[in-house]
Amino acid sequence: MRSSPEFRDAKVVIVGASESGRFELLHAIASRLGGDAPETVDAGPWRVLRSDVPAQGLRIHLCCVDGESPYRGVESLLLEDADAAILMVDVSPEGIAASRRCFDRWKPDLEGDRLAHVVQYHRIEREPRFDPAVMDAWLGLRGEGVLRVATHSEAPDGPGGSFDRLVARLNEERAEA
């Protein structure tokens, strides 16, 4: 990805448990914004799905790991030079335990000001008792600094979703710098 006069570059990594909706989100964003068709790149035993997407004056290099890595190595390398991250939390009864393990694994890397991020509560239609405040408390999220978004399976990149809010935050941070 190269800088150009009309775009500034930024890297956004989607992390989450296997089957949490990461791929659906990446494909939906690329499709909606006219980004490059998502491509798969081999990274040792894992595969990385990526797409370059124009958004609000930025060219976003969007990526996620295929499958669930038992180690943080591949995801850590992706996050190392990332500008932002989207953490997918599948709140459905069949996905919540894996999402919690993934969240616990990534929470230390996402705390602080180094990396802008969004927590995306996904598949809320599968959990009729879903309450964002209860989920925040269960995950140990505190404060106003973390953006939170709730989405349905049919619309992982719905209007005002995690990606648009995250890009707006990146633009705010770059304007302040």
C-alpha atoms as a PDB file:
ATOM      1  CA  MET A   1       0.000   0.000   0.000  1.00  0.00           C
ATOM      2  CA  ARG A   2       1.526   3.306  -1.035  1.00  0.00           C
ATOM      3  CA  SER A   3       0.648   6.815   0.073  1.00  0.00           C
ATOM      4  CA  SER A   4      -0.776   9.194  -2.476  1.00  0.00           C
ATOM      5  CA  PRO A   5      -1.702  12.890  -2.382  1.00  0.00           C
ATOM      6  CA  GLU A   6      -5.416  12.157  -1.927  1.00  0.00           C
ATOM      7  CA  PHE A   7      -5.070   9.365   0.659  1.00  0.00           C
ATOM      8  CA  ARG A   8      -3.120   8.766   3.852  1.00  0.00           C
ATOM      9  CA  ASP A   9      -2.451   5.146   4.800  1.00  0.00           C
ATOM     10  CA  ALA A  10      -3.644   3.355   7.936  1.00  0.00           C
ATOM     11  CA  LYS A  11      -3.704  -0.296   8.975  1.00  0.00           C
ATOM     12  CA  VAL A  12      -6.722  -1.838  10.712  1.00  0.00           C
ATOM     13  CA  VAL A  13      -6.616  -5.415  12.019  1.00  0.00           C
ATOM     14  CA  ILE A  14      -9.778  -7.404  12.769  1.00  0.00           C
ATOM     15  CA  VAL A  15      -9.199  -9.833  15.644  1.00  0.00           C
ATOM     16  CA  GLY A  16     -11.578 -12.298  17.236  1.00  0.00           C
ATOM     17  CA  ALA A  17     -12.255 -15.952  17.778  1.00  0.00           C
ATOM     18  CA  SER A  18     -12.611 -18.325  14.862  1.00  0.00           C
ATOM     19  CA  GLU A  19     -16.109 -18.023  13.377  1.00  0.00           C
ATOM     20  CA  SER A  20     -16.718 -14.682  15.139  1.00  0.00           C
ATOM     21  CA  GLY A  21     -17.604 -12.825  11.941  1.00  0.00           C
ATOM     22  CA  ARG A  22     -14.175 -11.380  11.049  1.00  0.00           C
ATOM     23  CA  PHE A  23     -14.296 -12.517   7.410  1.00  0.00           C
ATOM     24  CA  GLU A  24     -17.875 -11.395   6.934  1.00  0.00           C
ATOM     25  CA  LEU A  25     -16.955  -7.957   8.261  1.00  0.00           C
ATOM     26  CA  LEU A  26     -13.862  -7.636   6.049  1.00  0.00           C
ATOM     27  CA  HIS A  27     -15.809  -8.699   2.934  1.00  0.00           C
ATOM     28  CA  ALA A  28     -18.735  -6.381   3.774  1.00  0.00           C
ATOM     29  CA  ILE A  29     -16.443  -3.365   4.264  1.00  0.00           C
ATOM     30  CA  ALA A  30     -14.513  -4.017   1.046  1.00  0.00           C
ATOM     31  CA  SER A  31     -17.746  -4.496  -0.903  1.00  0.00           C
ATOM     32  CA  ARG A  32     -19.479  -1.403   0.484  1.00  0.00           C
ATOM     33  CA  LEU A  33     -16.525   0.937  -0.003  1.00  0.00           C
ATOM     34  CA  GLY A  34     -15.249  -0.395  -3.324  1.00  0.00           C
ATOM     35  CA  GLY A  35     -12.003  -1.709  -1.922  1.00  0.00           C
ATOM     36  CA  ASP A  36      -9.757  -4.309  -3.476  1.00  0.00           C
ATOM     37  CA  ALA A  37     -11.235  -7.790  -3.626  1.00  0.00           C
ATOM     38  CA  PRO A  38     -10.054  -9.535  -0.442  1.00  0.00           C
ATOM     39  CA  GLU A  39      -7.025 -11.738  -1.071  1.00  0.00           C
ATOM     40  CA  THR A  40      -5.423 -14.453   1.002  1.00  0.00           C
ATOM     41  CA  VAL A  41      -1.712 -14.457   1.807  1.00  0.00           C
ATOM     42  CA  ASP A  42       0.094 -17.383   3.441  1.00  0.00           C
ATOM     43  CA  ALA A  43       1.894 -16.612   6.717  1.00  0.00           C
ATOM     44  CA  GLY A  44       3.432 -19.923   7.714  1.00  0.00           C
ATOM     45  CA  PRO A  45       0.658 -22.321   8.762  1.00  0.00           C
ATOM     46  CA  TRP A  46      -1.893 -19.474   8.864  1.00  0.00           C
ATOM     47  CA  ARG A  47      -3.495 -17.434   6.165  1.00  0.00           C
ATOM     48  CA  VAL A  48      -4.107 -13.696   6.311  1.00  0.00           C
ATOM     49  CA  LEU A  49      -7.089 -12.197   4.499  1.00  0.00           C
ATOM     50  CA  ARG A  50      -6.535  -8.588   3.419  1.00  0.00           C
ATOM     51  CA  SER A  51      -8.001  -5.769   1.342  1.00  0.00           C
ATOM     52  CA  ASP A  52      -7.098  -2.124   0.698  1.00  0.00           C
ATOM     53  CA  VAL A  53     -10.139   0.111   1.174  1.00  0.00           C
ATOM     54  CA  PRO A  54     -10.569   3.881   0.585  1.00  0.00           C
ATOM     55  CA  ALA A  55     -12.444   5.515   3.478  1.00  0.00           C
ATOM     56  CA  GLN A  56     -12.875   9.142   4.559  1.00  0.00           C
ATOM     57  CA  GLY A  57      -9.583  10.343   3.050  1.00  0.00           C
ATOM     58  CA  LEU A  58      -7.629   7.303   4.237  1.00  0.00           C
ATOM     59  CA  ARG A  59      -6.509   4.208   2.412  1.00  0.00           C
ATOM     60  CA  ILE A  60      -7.092   1.436   4.944  1.00  0.00           C
ATOM     61  CA  HIS A  61      -5.075  -1.761   4.794  1.00  0.00           C
ATOM     62  CA  LEU A  62      -7.633  -4.088   6.383  1.00  0.00           C
ATOM     63  CA  CYS A  63      -6.609  -7.600   7.464  1.00  0.00           C
ATOM     64  CA  CYS A  64      -7.469 -10.572   9.675  1.00  0.00           C
ATOM     65  CA  VAL A  65      -6.085 -14.051  10.329  1.00  0.00           C
ATOM     66  CA  ASP A  66      -7.862 -17.102   8.909  1.00  0.00           C
ATOM     67  CA  GLY A  67      -8.748 -19.513  11.708  1.00  0.00           C
ATOM     68  CA  GLU A  68      -7.877 -19.316  15.371  1.00  0.00           C
ATOM     69  CA  SER A  69      -4.223 -19.271  16.198  1.00  0.00           C
ATOM     70  CA  PRO A  70      -3.281 -21.120  19.390  1.00  0.00           C
ATOM     71  CA  TYR A  71      -0.469 -18.585  19.736  1.00  0.00           C
ATOM     72  CA  ARG A  72      -0.514 -14.827  19.463  1.00  0.00           C
ATOM     73  CA  GLY A  73       2.434 -14.705  17.061  1.00  0.00           C
ATOM     74  CA  VAL A  74       0.725 -14.014  13.742  1.00  0.00           C
ATOM     75  CA  GLU A  75      -1.835 -11.620  15.203  1.00  0.00           C
ATOM     76  CA  SER A  76       0.867  -9.880  17.247  1.00  0.00           C
ATOM     77  CA  LEU A  77       2.858  -9.264  14.080  1.00  0.00           C
ATOM     78  CA  LEU A  78      -0.224  -7.813  12.394  1.00  0.00           C
ATOM     79  CA  LEU A  79      -1.012  -5.593  15.395  1.00  0.00           C
ATOM     80  CA  GLU A  80       2.581  -4.468  15.859  1.00  0.00           C
ATOM     81  CA  ASP A  81       2.382  -1.716  13.256  1.00  0.00           C
ATOM     82  CA  ALA A  82      -1.403  -1.350  13.199  1.00  0.00           C
ATOM     83  CA  ASP A  83      -3.125   1.987  13.655  1.00  0.00           C
ATOM     84  CA  ALA A  84      -6.351   0.420  14.904  1.00  0.00           C
ATOM     85  CA  ALA A  85      -8.124  -2.844  15.673  1.00  0.00           C
ATOM     86  CA  ILE A  86     -11.660  -4.180  15.628  1.00  0.00           C
ATOM     87  CA  LEU A  87     -12.289  -6.924  18.174  1.00  0.00           C
ATOM     88  CA  MET A  88     -15.208  -9.128  17.137  1.00  0.00           C
ATOM     89  CA  VAL A  89     -17.132 -10.559  20.109  1.00  0.00           C
ATOM     90  CA  ASP A  90     -19.710 -13.159  19.044  1.00  0.00           C
ATOM     91  CA  VAL A  91     -22.424 -12.875  21.716  1.00  0.00           C
ATOM     92  CA  SER A  92     -24.403 -15.887  20.475  1.00  0.00           C
ATOM     93  CA  PRO A  93     -24.670 -18.801  22.924  1.00  0.00           C
ATOM     94  CA  GLU A  94     -22.462 -20.948  20.673  1.00  0.00           C
ATOM     95  CA  GLY A  95     -19.784 -18.268  20.223  1.00  0.00           C
ATOM     96  CA  ILE A  96     -19.506 -16.385  23.505  1.00  0.00           C
ATOM     97  CA  ALA A  97     -17.036 -18.697  25.302  1.00  0.00           C
ATOM     98  CA  ALA A  98     -14.497 -18.586  22.443  1.00  0.00           C
ATOM     99  CA  SER A  99     -14.987 -14.825  22.114  1.00  0.00           C
ATOM    100  CA  ARG A 100     -14.299 -14.370  25.832  1.00  0.00           C
ATOM    101  CA  ARG A 101     -11.058 -16.382  25.617  1.00  0.00           C
ATOM    102  CA  CYS A 102      -9.972 -14.311  22.626  1.00  0.00           C
ATOM    103  CA  PHE A 103     -10.915 -11.048  24.335  1.00  0.00           C
ATOM    104  CA  ASP A 104      -8.968 -11.984  27.468  1.00  0.00           C
ATOM    105  CA  ARG A 105      -5.952 -12.806  25.307  1.00  0.00           C
ATOM    106  CA  TRP A 106      -6.058  -9.465  23.458  1.00  0.00           C
ATOM    107  CA  LYS A 107      -7.259  -7.111  26.187  1.00  0.00           C
ATOM    108  CA  PRO A 108      -3.731  -6.185  27.417  1.00  0.00           C
ATOM    109  CA  ASP A 109      -2.652  -5.291  23.869  1.00  0.00           C
ATOM    110  CA  LEU A 110      -5.739  -3.163  23.292  1.00  0.00           C
ATOM    111  CA  GLU A 111      -5.570  -1.178  26.536  1.00  0.00           C
ATOM    112  CA  GLY A 112      -3.968   2.231  26.593  1.00  0.00           C
ATOM    113  CA  ASP A 113      -3.682   4.848  23.886  1.00  0.00           C
ATOM    114  CA  ARG A 114      -1.299   3.152  21.446  1.00  0.00           C
ATOM    115  CA  LEU A 115      -3.988   1.517  19.359  1.00  0.00           C
ATOM    116  CA  ALA A 116      -7.433   2.916  18.567  1.00  0.00           C
ATOM    117  CA  HIS A 117      -9.982   0.136  18.707  1.00  0.00           C
ATOM    118  CA  VAL A 118     -13.625  -0.843  18.619  1.00  0.00           C
ATOM    119  CA  VAL A 119     -15.312  -3.745  20.371  1.00  0.00           C
ATOM    120  CA  GLN A 120     -17.983  -5.084  18.034  1.00  0.00           C
ATOM    121  CA  TYR A 121     -20.679  -7.168  19.722  1.00  0.00           C
ATOM    122  CA  HIS A 122     -21.828  -9.357  16.847  1.00  0.00           C
ATOM    123  CA  ARG A 123     -24.813 -11.656  16.246  1.00  0.00           C
ATOM    124  CA  ILE A 124     -26.926  -9.940  18.883  1.00  0.00           C
ATOM    125  CA  GLU A 125     -30.122 -11.393  17.371  1.00  0.00           C
ATOM    126  CA  ARG A 126     -29.042 -14.840  18.639  1.00  0.00           C
ATOM    127  CA  GLU A 127     -28.996 -13.668  22.279  1.00  0.00           C
ATOM    128  CA  PRO A 128     -32.391 -12.161  23.151  1.00  0.00           C
ATOM    129  CA  ARG A 129     -31.148 -10.974  26.560  1.00  0.00           C
ATOM    130  CA  PHE A 130     -28.181  -9.087  25.088  1.00  0.00           C
ATOM    131  CA  ASP A 131     -27.406  -5.969  27.101  1.00  0.00           C
ATOM    132  CA  PRO A 132     -24.279  -3.954  26.204  1.00  0.00           C
ATOM    133  CA  ALA A 133     -23.759  -2.767  29.788  1.00  0.00           C
ATOM    134  CA  VAL A 134     -23.884  -6.342  31.117  1.00  0.00           C
ATOM    135  CA  MET A 135     -21.487  -7.506  28.392  1.00  0.00           C
ATOM    136  CA  ASP A 136     -19.106  -4.608  29.128  1.00  0.00           C
ATOM    137  CA  ALA A 137     -19.039  -5.556  32.803  1.00  0.00           C
ATOM    138  CA  TRP A 138     -18.538  -9.257  32.027  1.00  0.00           C
ATOM    139  CA  LEU A 139     -15.568  -8.436  29.766  1.00  0.00           C
ATOM    140  CA  GLY A 140     -14.185  -5.901  32.237  1.00  0.00           C
ATOM    141  CA  LEU A 141     -14.520  -2.910  29.902  1.00  0.00           C
ATOM    142  CA  ARG A 142     -14.510   0.424  31.643  1.00  0.00           C
ATOM    143  CA  GLY A 143     -14.472   4.034  30.588  1.00  0.00           C
ATOM    144  CA  GLU A 144     -15.554   5.998  27.593  1.00  0.00           C
ATOM    145  CA  GLY A 145     -12.397   5.558  25.521  1.00  0.00           C
ATOM    146  CA  VAL A 146     -13.482   2.308  23.888  1.00  0.00           C
ATOM    147  CA  LEU A 147     -15.982   2.478  21.050  1.00  0.00           C
ATOM    148  CA  ARG A 148     -18.620  -0.236  21.175  1.00  0.00           C
ATOM    149  CA  VAL A 149     -20.934  -1.338  18.380  1.00  0.00           C
ATOM    150  CA  ALA A 150     -23.659  -4.012  18.274  1.00  0.00           C
ATOM    151  CA  THR A 151     -24.424  -5.734  14.953  1.00  0.00           C
ATOM    152  CA  HIS A 152     -26.641  -8.475  13.512  1.00  0.00           C
ATOM    153  CA  SER A 153     -25.448 -11.450  11.473  1.00  0.00           C
ATOM    154  CA  GLU A 154     -27.082 -10.077   8.322  1.00  0.00           C
ATOM    155  CA  ALA A 155     -25.323  -6.709   8.620  1.00  0.00           C
ATOM    156  CA  PRO A 156     -21.829  -7.019  10.115  1.00  0.00           C
ATOM    157  CA  ASP A 157     -20.930  -3.656   8.552  1.00  0.00           C
ATOM    158  CA  GLY A 158     -24.211  -1.860   9.159  1.00  0.00           C
ATOM    159  CA  PRO A 159     -24.565   1.939   8.966  1.00  0.00           C
ATOM    160  CA  GLY A 160     -22.591   3.602  11.732  1.00  0.00           C
ATOM    161  CA  GLY A 161     -20.816   0.321  12.334  1.00  0.00           C
ATOM    162  CA  SER A 162     -17.448  -0.309  13.876  1.00  0.00           C
ATOM    163  CA  PHE A 163     -15.381   0.453  10.789  1.00  0.00           C
ATOM    164  CA  ASP A 164     -16.863   3.895  10.076  1.00  0.00           C
ATOM    165  CA  ARG A 165     -16.549   4.939  13.711  1.00  0.00           C
ATOM    166  CA  LEU A 166     -12.974   3.700  13.874  1.00  0.00           C
ATOM    167  CA  VAL A 167     -11.956   5.550  10.697  1.00  0.00           C
ATOM    168  CA  ALA A 168     -13.527   8.740  12.079  1.00  0.00           C
ATOM    169  CA  ARG A 169     -11.464   8.306  15.253  1.00  0.00           C
ATOM    170  CA  LEU A 170      -8.277   7.771  13.212  1.00  0.00           C
ATOM    171  CA  ASN A 171      -8.971  10.999  11.318  1.00  0.00           C
ATOM    172  CA  GLU A 172      -9.547  12.868  14.607  1.00  0.00           C
ATOM    173  CA  GLU A 173      -6.281  11.564  16.050  1.00  0.00           C
ATOM    174  CA  ARG A 174      -4.343  12.497  12.914  1.00  0.00           C
ATOM    175  CA  ALA A 175      -5.864  15.986  12.895  1.00  0.00           C
ATOM    176  CA  GLU A 176      -4.743  16.498  16.508  1.00  0.00           C
ATOM    177  CA  ALA A 177      -1.172  15.329  15.764  1.00  0.00           C
END
